PDB file of N, CA and C in Angstrom:
ATOM      1  N   MET A   1      -3.637  59.240-104.578  1.00  0.00           N
ATOM      2  CA  MET A   1      -3.220  58.049-103.879  1.00  0.00           C
ATOM      3  C   MET A   1      -2.016  57.470-104.608  1.00  0.00           C
ATOM      4  N   GLN A   2      -1.060  56.974-103.840  1.00  0.00           N
ATOM      5  CA  GLN A   2       0.132  56.344-104.402  1.00  0.00           C
ATOM      6  C   GLN A   2       0.304  54.967-103.773  1.00  0.00           C
ATOM      7  N   ILE A   3       0.552  53.974-104.604  1.00  0.00           N
ATOM      8  CA  ILE A   3       0.806  52.613-104.141  1.00  0.00           C
ATOM      9  C   ILE A   3       2.274  52.305-104.371  1.00  0.00           C
ATOM     10  N   VAL A   4       2.909  51.703-103.359  1.00  0.00           N
ATOM     11  CA  VAL A   4       4.317  51.323-103.444  1.00  0.00           C
ATOM     12  C   VAL A   4       4.459  49.931-102.835  1.00  0.00           C
ATOM     13  N   GLY A   5       5.156  49.053-103.522  1.00  0.00           N
ATOM     14  CA  GLY A   5       5.504  47.747-102.982  1.00  0.00           C
ATOM     15  C   GLY A   5       6.953  47.781-102.521  1.00  0.00           C
ATOM     16  N   VAL A   6       7.271  46.984-101.514  1.00  0.00           N
ATOM     17  CA  VAL A   6       8.628  46.981-100.956  1.00  0.00           C
ATOM     18  C   VAL A   6       9.066  45.537-100.738  1.00  0.00           C
ATOM     19  N   SER A   7      10.318  45.255-101.113  1.00  0.00           N
ATOM     20  CA  SER A   7      10.887  43.933-100.844  1.00  0.00           C
ATOM     21  C   SER A   7      12.385  44.082-100.581  1.00  0.00           C
ATOM     22  N   PHE A   8      12.999  42.968-100.230  1.00  0.00           N
ATOM     23  CA  PHE A   8      14.449  42.955-100.011  1.00  0.00           C
ATOM     24  C   PHE A   8      15.215  42.675-101.298  1.00  0.00           C
ATOM     25  N   ASP A   9      14.512  42.384-102.377  1.00  0.00           N
ATOM     26  CA  ASP A   9      15.153  42.043-103.641  1.00  0.00           C
ATOM     27  C   ASP A   9      15.879  43.242-104.243  1.00  0.00           C
ATOM     28  N   PRO A  10      16.913  42.991-105.027  1.00  0.00           N
ATOM     29  CA  PRO A  10      17.632  44.089-105.702  1.00  0.00           C
ATOM     30  C   PRO A  10      16.707  44.837-106.662  1.00  0.00           C
ATOM     31  N   PRO A  11      16.988  46.102-106.931  1.00  0.00           N
ATOM     32  CA  PRO A  11      16.135  46.915-107.809  1.00  0.00           C
ATOM     33  C   PRO A  11      15.875  46.280-109.174  1.00  0.00           C
ATOM     34  N   GLU A  12      16.888  45.678-109.770  1.00  0.00           N
ATOM     35  CA  GLU A  12      16.689  45.088-111.096  1.00  0.00           C
ATOM     36  C   GLU A  12      15.718  43.894-111.035  1.00  0.00           C
ATOM     37  N   ASP A  13      15.761  43.108-109.942  1.00  0.00           N
ATOM     38  CA  ASP A  13      14.820  42.004-109.770  1.00  0.00           C
ATOM     39  C   ASP A  13      13.402  42.538-109.570  1.00  0.00           C
ATOM     40  N   ASN A  14      13.281  43.607-108.776  1.00  0.00           N
ATOM     41  CA  ASN A  14      11.967  44.222-108.564  1.00  0.00           C
ATOM     42  C   ASN A  14      11.387  44.752-109.876  1.00  0.00           C
ATOM     43  N   GLN A  15      12.231  45.379-110.674  1.00  0.00           N
ATOM     44  CA  GLN A  15      11.769  45.918-111.955  1.00  0.00           C
ATOM     45  C   GLN A  15      11.307  44.793-112.880  1.00  0.00           C
ATOM     46  N   ASP A  16      12.098  43.735-112.972  1.00  0.00           N
ATOM     47  CA  ASP A  16      11.722  42.589-113.808  1.00  0.00           C
ATOM     48  C   ASP A  16      10.405  41.971-113.329  1.00  0.00           C
ATOM     49  N   PHE A  17      10.257  41.823-112.023  1.00  0.00           N
ATOM     50  CA  PHE A  17       9.041  41.239-111.460  1.00  0.00           C
ATOM     51  C   PHE A  17       7.837  42.134-111.747  1.00  0.00           C
ATOM     52  N   ALA A  18       7.988  43.444-111.536  1.00  0.00           N
ATOM     53  CA  ALA A  18       6.889  44.382-111.781  1.00  0.00           C
ATOM     54  C   ALA A  18       6.452  44.344-113.245  1.00  0.00           C
ATOM     55  N   GLU A  19       7.409  44.292-114.144  1.00  0.00           N
ATOM     56  CA  GLU A  19       7.085  44.233-115.569  1.00  0.00           C
ATOM     57  C   GLU A  19       6.385  42.922-115.921  1.00  0.00           C
ATOM     58  N   ALA A  20       6.887  41.818-115.374  1.00  0.00           N
ATOM     59  CA  ALA A  20       6.299  40.504-115.667  1.00  0.00           C
ATOM     60  C   ALA A  20       4.866  40.402-115.138  1.00  0.00           C
ATOM     61  N   GLU A  21       4.599  41.029-114.003  1.00  0.00           N
ATOM     62  CA  GLU A  21       3.274  40.968-113.388  1.00  0.00           C
ATOM     63  C   GLU A  21       2.340  42.078-113.867  1.00  0.00           C
ATOM     64  N   GLY A  22       2.887  43.049-114.620  1.00  0.00           N
ATOM     65  CA  GLY A  22       2.069  44.152-115.110  1.00  0.00           C
ATOM     66  C   GLY A  22       1.713  45.168-114.045  1.00  0.00           C
ATOM     67  N   PHE A  23       2.541  45.287-113.006  1.00  0.00           N
ATOM     68  CA  PHE A  23       2.275  46.255-111.944  1.00  0.00           C
ATOM     69  C   PHE A  23       2.371  47.670-112.493  1.00  0.00           C
ATOM     70  N   THR A  24       1.490  48.519-112.042  1.00  0.00           N
ATOM     71  CA  THR A  24       1.496  49.925-112.468  1.00  0.00           C
ATOM     72  C   THR A  24       2.000  50.829-111.348  1.00  0.00           C
ATOM     73  N   TYR A  25       2.618  50.230-110.366  1.00  0.00           N
ATOM     74  CA  TYR A  25       3.162  50.997-109.242  1.00  0.00           C
ATOM     75  C   TYR A  25       4.632  50.611-109.029  1.00  0.00           C
ATOM     76  N   GLU A  26       5.314  51.435-108.246  1.00  0.00           N
ATOM     77  CA  GLU A  26       6.744  51.217-107.994  1.00  0.00           C
ATOM     78  C   GLU A  26       6.969  50.093-106.997  1.00  0.00           C
ATOM     79  N   LEU A  27       8.078  49.384-107.165  1.00  0.00           N
ATOM     80  CA  LEU A  27       8.573  48.438-106.167  1.00  0.00           C
ATOM     81  C   LEU A  27       9.900  48.968-105.658  1.00  0.00           C
ATOM     82  N   TRP A  28       9.966  49.191-104.378  1.00  0.00           N
ATOM     83  CA  TRP A  28      11.190  49.704-103.762  1.00  0.00           C
ATOM     84  C   TRP A  28      11.985  48.561-103.159  1.00  0.00           C
ATOM     85  N   THR A  29      13.296  48.770-103.043  1.00  0.00           N
ATOM     86  CA  THR A  29      14.193  47.815-102.410  1.00  0.00           C
ATOM     87  C   THR A  29      14.541  48.301-101.011  1.00  0.00           C
ATOM     88  N   ASP A  30      14.259  47.478-100.029  1.00  0.00           N
ATOM     89  CA  ASP A  30      14.549  47.774 -98.622  1.00  0.00           C
ATOM     90  C   ASP A  30      15.741  46.921 -98.199  1.00  0.00           C
ATOM     91  N   ASP A  31      16.909  47.201 -98.803  1.00  0.00           N
ATOM     92  CA  ASP A  31      18.067  46.333 -98.587  1.00  0.00           C
ATOM     93  C   ASP A  31      18.612  46.381 -97.167  1.00  0.00           C
ATOM     94  N   ASP A  32      18.389  47.467 -96.444  1.00  0.00           N
ATOM     95  CA  ASP A  32      18.862  47.509 -95.054  1.00  0.00           C
ATOM     96  C   ASP A  32      17.745  47.168 -94.059  1.00  0.00           C
ATOM     97  N   LYS A  33      16.564  46.831 -94.579  1.00  0.00           N
ATOM     98  CA  LYS A  33      15.409  46.349 -93.812  1.00  0.00           C
ATOM     99  C   LYS A  33      14.807  47.397 -92.875  1.00  0.00           C
ATOM    100  N   THR A  34      15.100  48.655 -93.125  1.00  0.00           N
ATOM    101  CA  THR A  34      14.590  49.741 -92.292  1.00  0.00           C
ATOM    102  C   THR A  34      13.066  49.801 -92.315  1.00  0.00           C
ATOM    103  N   LEU A  35      12.483  49.783 -93.498  1.00  0.00           N
ATOM    104  CA  LEU A  35      11.026  49.859 -93.597  1.00  0.00           C
ATOM    105  C   LEU A  35      10.358  48.622 -93.008  1.00  0.00           C
ATOM    106  N   ALA A  36      10.921  47.461 -93.288  1.00  0.00           N
ATOM    107  CA  ALA A  36      10.347  46.214 -92.772  1.00  0.00           C
ATOM    108  C   ALA A  36      10.334  46.198 -91.244  1.00  0.00           C
ATOM    109  N   LEU A  37      11.406  46.650 -90.633  1.00  0.00           N
ATOM    110  CA  LEU A  37      11.460  46.726 -89.173  1.00  0.00           C
ATOM    111  C   LEU A  37      10.474  47.766 -88.639  1.00  0.00           C
ATOM    112  N   TYR A  38      10.465  48.928 -89.250  1.00  0.00           N
ATOM    113  CA  TYR A  38       9.626  50.030 -88.777  1.00  0.00           C
ATOM    114  C   TYR A  38       8.138  49.682 -88.855  1.00  0.00           C
ATOM    115  N   TYR A  39       7.733  49.061 -89.955  1.00  0.00           N
ATOM    116  CA  TYR A  39       6.318  48.764 -90.164  1.00  0.00           C
ATOM    117  C   TYR A  39       5.916  47.344 -89.752  1.00  0.00           C
ATOM    118  N   GLY A  40       6.820  46.610 -89.120  1.00  0.00           N
ATOM    119  CA  GLY A  40       6.460  45.324 -88.540  1.00  0.00           C
ATOM    120  C   GLY A  40       6.392  44.143 -89.486  1.00  0.00           C
ATOM    121  N   ALA A  41       7.007  44.244 -90.655  1.00  0.00           N
ATOM    122  CA  ALA A  41       7.043  43.101 -91.570  1.00  0.00           C
ATOM    123  C   ALA A  41       8.063  42.064 -91.111  1.00  0.00           C
ATOM    124  N   ILE A  42       9.023  42.501 -90.302  1.00  0.00           N
ATOM    125  CA  ILE A  42       9.982  41.619 -89.643  1.00  0.00           C
ATOM    126  C   ILE A  42      10.174  42.134 -88.216  1.00  0.00           C
ATOM    127  N   SER A  43      10.664  41.268 -87.332  1.00  0.00           N
ATOM    128  CA  SER A  43      10.887  41.685 -85.947  1.00  0.00           C
ATOM    129  C   SER A  43      12.365  41.843 -85.606  1.00  0.00           C
ATOM    130  N   LYS A  44      13.234  41.313 -86.473  1.00  0.00           N
ATOM    131  CA  LYS A  44      14.669  41.488 -86.253  1.00  0.00           C
ATOM    132  C   LYS A  44      15.382  41.546 -87.601  1.00  0.00           C
ATOM    133  N   GLU A  45      16.487  42.249 -87.648  1.00  0.00           N
ATOM    134  CA  GLU A  45      17.207  42.495 -88.902  1.00  0.00           C
ATOM    135  C   GLU A  45      17.744  41.228 -89.552  1.00  0.00           C
ATOM    136  N   SER A  46      17.979  40.183 -88.770  1.00  0.00           N
ATOM    137  CA  SER A  46      18.530  38.949 -89.324  1.00  0.00           C
ATOM    138  C   SER A  46      17.480  38.116 -90.076  1.00  0.00           C
ATOM    139  N   THR A  47      16.221  38.523 -90.034  1.00  0.00           N
ATOM    140  CA  THR A  47      15.166  37.803 -90.748  1.00  0.00           C
ATOM    141  C   THR A  47      15.411  37.902 -92.251  1.00  0.00           C
ATOM    142  N   SER A  48      15.296  36.782 -92.957  1.00  0.00           N
ATOM    143  CA  SER A  48      15.632  36.772 -94.382  1.00  0.00           C
ATOM    144  C   SER A  48      14.456  37.111 -95.296  1.00  0.00           C
ATOM    145  N   ALA A  49      13.229  36.923 -94.830  1.00  0.00           N
ATOM    146  CA  ALA A  49      12.058  37.218 -95.653  1.00  0.00           C
ATOM    147  C   ALA A  49      11.020  37.967 -94.823  1.00  0.00           C
ATOM    148  N   ALA A  50      10.460  38.995 -95.405  1.00  0.00           N
ATOM    149  CA  ALA A  50       9.468  39.801 -94.701  1.00  0.00           C
ATOM    150  C   ALA A  50       8.103  39.146 -94.757  1.00  0.00           C
ATOM    151  N   GLY A  51       7.307  39.388 -93.725  1.00  0.00           N
ATOM    152  CA  GLY A  51       5.912  38.979 -93.744  1.00  0.00           C
ATOM    153  C   GLY A  51       5.146  39.865 -94.719  1.00  0.00           C
ATOM    154  N   ARG A  52       4.033  39.380 -95.196  1.00  0.00           N
ATOM    155  CA  ARG A  52       3.204  40.143 -96.129  1.00  0.00           C
ATOM    156  C   ARG A  52       2.260  41.025 -95.330  1.00  0.00           C
ATOM    157  N   VAL A  53       2.548  42.301 -95.307  1.00  0.00           N
ATOM    158  CA  VAL A  53       1.728  43.266 -94.591  1.00  0.00           C
ATOM    159  C   VAL A  53       1.407  44.434 -95.512  1.00  0.00           C
ATOM    160  N   THR A  54       0.349  45.155 -95.188  1.00  0.00           N
ATOM    161  CA  THR A  54      -0.005  46.368 -95.907  1.00  0.00           C
ATOM    162  C   THR A  54      -0.179  47.475 -94.882  1.00  0.00           C
ATOM    163  N   ARG A  55       0.382  48.635 -95.195  1.00  0.00           N
ATOM    164  CA  ARG A  55       0.256  49.803 -94.335  1.00  0.00           C
ATOM    165  C   ARG A  55      -0.289  50.946 -95.167  1.00  0.00           C
ATOM    166  N   ILE A  56      -1.297  51.640 -94.646  1.00  0.00           N
ATOM    167  CA  ILE A  56      -1.884  52.791 -95.317  1.00  0.00           C
ATOM    168  C   ILE A  56      -1.457  54.038 -94.555  1.00  0.00           C
ATOM    169  N   LEU A  57      -0.852  54.966 -95.279  1.00  0.00           N
ATOM    170  CA  LEU A  57      -0.413  56.233 -94.693  1.00  0.00           C
ATOM    171  C   LEU A  57      -1.230  57.365 -95.295  1.00  0.00           C
ATOM    172  N   ASP A  58      -1.451  58.410 -94.518  1.00  0.00           N
ATOM    173  CA  ASP A  58      -2.144  59.566 -95.082  1.00  0.00           C
ATOM    174  C   ASP A  58      -1.139  60.451 -95.821  1.00  0.00           C
ATOM    175  N   ALA A  59      -1.583  61.578 -96.333  1.00  0.00           N
ATOM    176  CA  ALA A  59      -0.732  62.462 -97.142  1.00  0.00           C
ATOM    177  C   ALA A  59       0.458  63.004 -96.355  1.00  0.00           C
ATOM    178  N   GLU A  60       0.345  63.034 -95.027  1.00  0.00           N
ATOM    179  CA  GLU A  60       1.453  63.512 -94.193  1.00  0.00           C
ATOM    180  C   GLU A  60       2.375  62.388 -93.731  1.00  0.00           C
ATOM    181  N   GLY A  61       2.075  61.161 -94.153  1.00  0.00           N
ATOM    182  CA  GLY A  61       2.903  60.018 -93.784  1.00  0.00           C
ATOM    183  C   GLY A  61       2.521  59.382 -92.461  1.00  0.00           C
ATOM    184  N   VAL A  62       1.359  59.736 -91.928  1.00  0.00           N
ATOM    185  CA  VAL A  62       0.894  59.160 -90.666  1.00  0.00           C
ATOM    186  C   VAL A  62       0.188  57.832 -90.951  1.00  0.00           C
ATOM    187  N   LEU A  63       0.556  56.812 -90.210  1.00  0.00           N
ATOM    188  CA  LEU A  63      -0.054  55.498 -90.351  1.00  0.00           C
ATOM    189  C   LEU A  63      -1.515  55.570 -89.916  1.00  0.00           C
ATOM    190  N   VAL A  64      -2.435  55.184 -90.809  1.00  0.00           N
ATOM    191  CA  VAL A  64      -3.856  55.243 -90.483  1.00  0.00           C
ATOM    192  C   VAL A  64      -4.536  53.871 -90.493  1.00  0.00           C
ATOM    193  N   LEU A  65      -3.926  52.882 -91.125  1.00  0.00           N
ATOM    194  CA  LEU A  65      -4.543  51.569 -91.190  1.00  0.00           C
ATOM    195  C   LEU A  65      -3.475  50.507 -91.420  1.00  0.00           C
ATOM    196  N   GLU A  66      -3.640  49.354 -90.761  1.00  0.00           N
ATOM    197  CA  GLU A  66      -2.693  48.248 -90.894  1.00  0.00           C
ATOM    198  C   GLU A  66      -3.428  46.962 -91.254  1.00  0.00           C
ATOM    199  N   TYR A  67      -2.804  46.180 -92.107  1.00  0.00           N
ATOM    200  CA  TYR A  67      -3.292  44.838 -92.443  1.00  0.00           C
ATOM    201  C   TYR A  67      -2.127  43.882 -92.220  1.00  0.00           C
ATOM    202  N   ASN A  68      -2.345  42.892 -91.383  1.00  0.00           N
ATOM    203  CA  ASN A  68      -1.338  41.862 -91.145  1.00  0.00           C
ATOM    204  C   ASN A  68      -1.836  40.559 -91.756  1.00  0.00           C
ATOM    205  N   ASP A  69      -0.918  39.657 -92.081  1.00  0.00           N
ATOM    206  CA  ASP A  69      -1.290  38.375 -92.695  1.00  0.00           C
ATOM    207  C   ASP A  69      -2.145  38.590 -93.941  1.00  0.00           C
ATOM    208  N   VAL A  70      -1.596  39.324 -94.895  1.00  0.00           N
ATOM    209  CA  VAL A  70      -2.301  39.697 -96.119  1.00  0.00           C
ATOM    210  C   VAL A  70      -2.656  38.465 -96.942  1.00  0.00           C
ATOM    211  N   ASP A  71      -3.897  38.404 -97.403  1.00  0.00           N
ATOM    212  CA  ASP A  71      -4.393  37.359 -98.295  1.00  0.00           C
ATOM    213  C   ASP A  71      -4.474  37.970 -99.689  1.00  0.00           C
ATOM    214  N   PHE A  72      -3.640  37.487-100.605  1.00  0.00           N
ATOM    215  CA  PHE A  72      -3.580  38.079-101.943  1.00  0.00           C
ATOM    216  C   PHE A  72      -4.894  37.945-102.708  1.00  0.00           C
ATOM    217  N   GLY A  73      -5.735  36.992-102.322  1.00  0.00           N
ATOM    218  CA  GLY A  73      -7.004  36.810-103.007  1.00  0.00           C
ATOM    219  C   GLY A  73      -8.036  37.871-102.666  1.00  0.00           C
ATOM    220  N   THR A  74      -8.014  38.363-101.422  1.00  0.00           N
ATOM    221  CA  THR A  74      -9.028  39.319-100.984  1.00  0.00           C
ATOM    222  C   THR A  74      -8.476  40.672-100.576  1.00  0.00           C
ATOM    223  N   SER A  75      -7.226  40.735-100.212  1.00  0.00           N
ATOM    224  CA  SER A  75      -6.665  41.964 -99.658  1.00  0.00           C
ATOM    225  C   SER A  75      -6.726  43.178-100.590  1.00  0.00           C
ATOM    226  N   PRO A  76      -6.355  43.066-101.864  1.00  0.00           N
ATOM    227  CA  PRO A  76      -6.385  44.268-102.706  1.00  0.00           C
ATOM    228  C   PRO A  76      -7.754  44.946-102.736  1.00  0.00           C
ATOM    229  N   GLN A  77      -8.818  44.179-102.885  1.00  0.00           N
ATOM    230  CA  GLN A  77     -10.156  44.770-102.927  1.00  0.00           C
ATOM    231  C   GLN A  77     -10.516  45.391-101.577  1.00  0.00           C
ATOM    232  N   GLU A  78     -10.183  44.699-100.495  1.00  0.00           N
ATOM    233  CA  GLU A  78     -10.460  45.215 -99.151  1.00  0.00           C
ATOM    234  C   GLU A  78      -9.730  46.536 -98.913  1.00  0.00           C
ATOM    235  N   VAL A  79      -8.471  46.589 -99.296  1.00  0.00           N
ATOM    236  CA  VAL A  79      -7.676  47.807 -99.110  1.00  0.00           C
ATOM    237  C   VAL A  79      -8.246  48.954 -99.935  1.00  0.00           C
ATOM    238  N   LEU A  80      -8.592  48.691-101.192  1.00  0.00           N
ATOM    239  CA  LEU A  80      -9.164  49.740-102.037  1.00  0.00           C
ATOM    240  C   LEU A  80     -10.474  50.265-101.457  1.00  0.00           C
ATOM    241  N   GLU A  81     -11.321  49.381-100.977  1.00  0.00           N
ATOM    242  CA  GLU A  81     -12.589  49.800-100.383  1.00  0.00           C
ATOM    243  C   GLU A  81     -12.351  50.646 -99.136  1.00  0.00           C
ATOM    244  N   ASP A  82     -11.416  50.229 -98.297  1.00  0.00           N
ATOM    245  CA  ASP A  82     -11.101  51.002 -97.093  1.00  0.00           C
ATOM    246  C   ASP A  82     -10.513  52.368 -97.445  1.00  0.00           C
ATOM    247  N   CYS A  83      -9.669  52.422 -98.473  1.00  0.00           N
ATOM    248  CA  CYS A  83      -9.089  53.704 -98.905  1.00  0.00           C
ATOM    249  C   CYS A  83     -10.171  54.651 -99.432  1.00  0.00           C
ATOM    250  N   GLU A  84     -11.153  54.102-100.128  1.00  0.00           N
ATOM    251  CA  GLU A  84     -12.259  54.940-100.609  1.00  0.00           C
ATOM    252  C   GLU A  84     -13.024  55.530 -99.429  1.00  0.00           C
ATOM    253  N   ILE A  85     -13.226  54.729 -98.379  1.00  0.00           N
ATOM    254  CA  ILE A  85     -13.916  55.234 -97.197  1.00  0.00           C
ATOM    255  C   ILE A  85     -13.079  56.317 -96.513  1.00  0.00           C
ATOM    256  N   LEU A  86     -11.785  56.066 -96.377  1.00  0.00           N
ATOM    257  CA  LEU A  86     -10.901  57.003 -95.677  1.00  0.00           C
ATOM    258  C   LEU A  86     -10.630  58.284 -96.469  1.00  0.00           C
ATOM    259  N   PHE A  87     -10.374  58.121 -97.767  1.00  0.00           N
ATOM    260  CA  PHE A  87      -9.857  59.238 -98.559  1.00  0.00           C
ATOM    261  C   PHE A  87     -10.791  59.708 -99.681  1.00  0.00           C
ATOM    262  N   GLY A  88     -11.883  59.005 -99.913  1.00  0.00           N
ATOM    263  CA  GLY A  88     -12.773  59.330-101.020  1.00  0.00           C
ATOM    264  C   GLY A  88     -12.269  58.717-102.309  1.00  0.00           C
ATOM    265  N   ASP A  89     -12.944  59.052-103.397  1.00  0.00           N
ATOM    266  CA  ASP A  89     -12.589  58.460-104.698  1.00  0.00           C
ATOM    267  C   ASP A  89     -11.238  58.870-105.164  1.00  0.00           C
TER     268      ASP A  89
END
């Protein structure tokens, strides 16, 4: 399993944020908003901030599960539990 975070922030800002928060996964920069548009985090390119969404893809890159309106307090545990059901340990 691979976890990736995505934002519109520059790579150096993402790296600083990941280090400050102790993230053990990559943060990618979506500067042209391609991923945000494709996965529904924004509805138009002129949007300045993406919505907080989570998308689960299988090993072939097929979308298998979506979470909209992510709650940072409960979402990580919910996503991990769902991934265990879908993909095993």
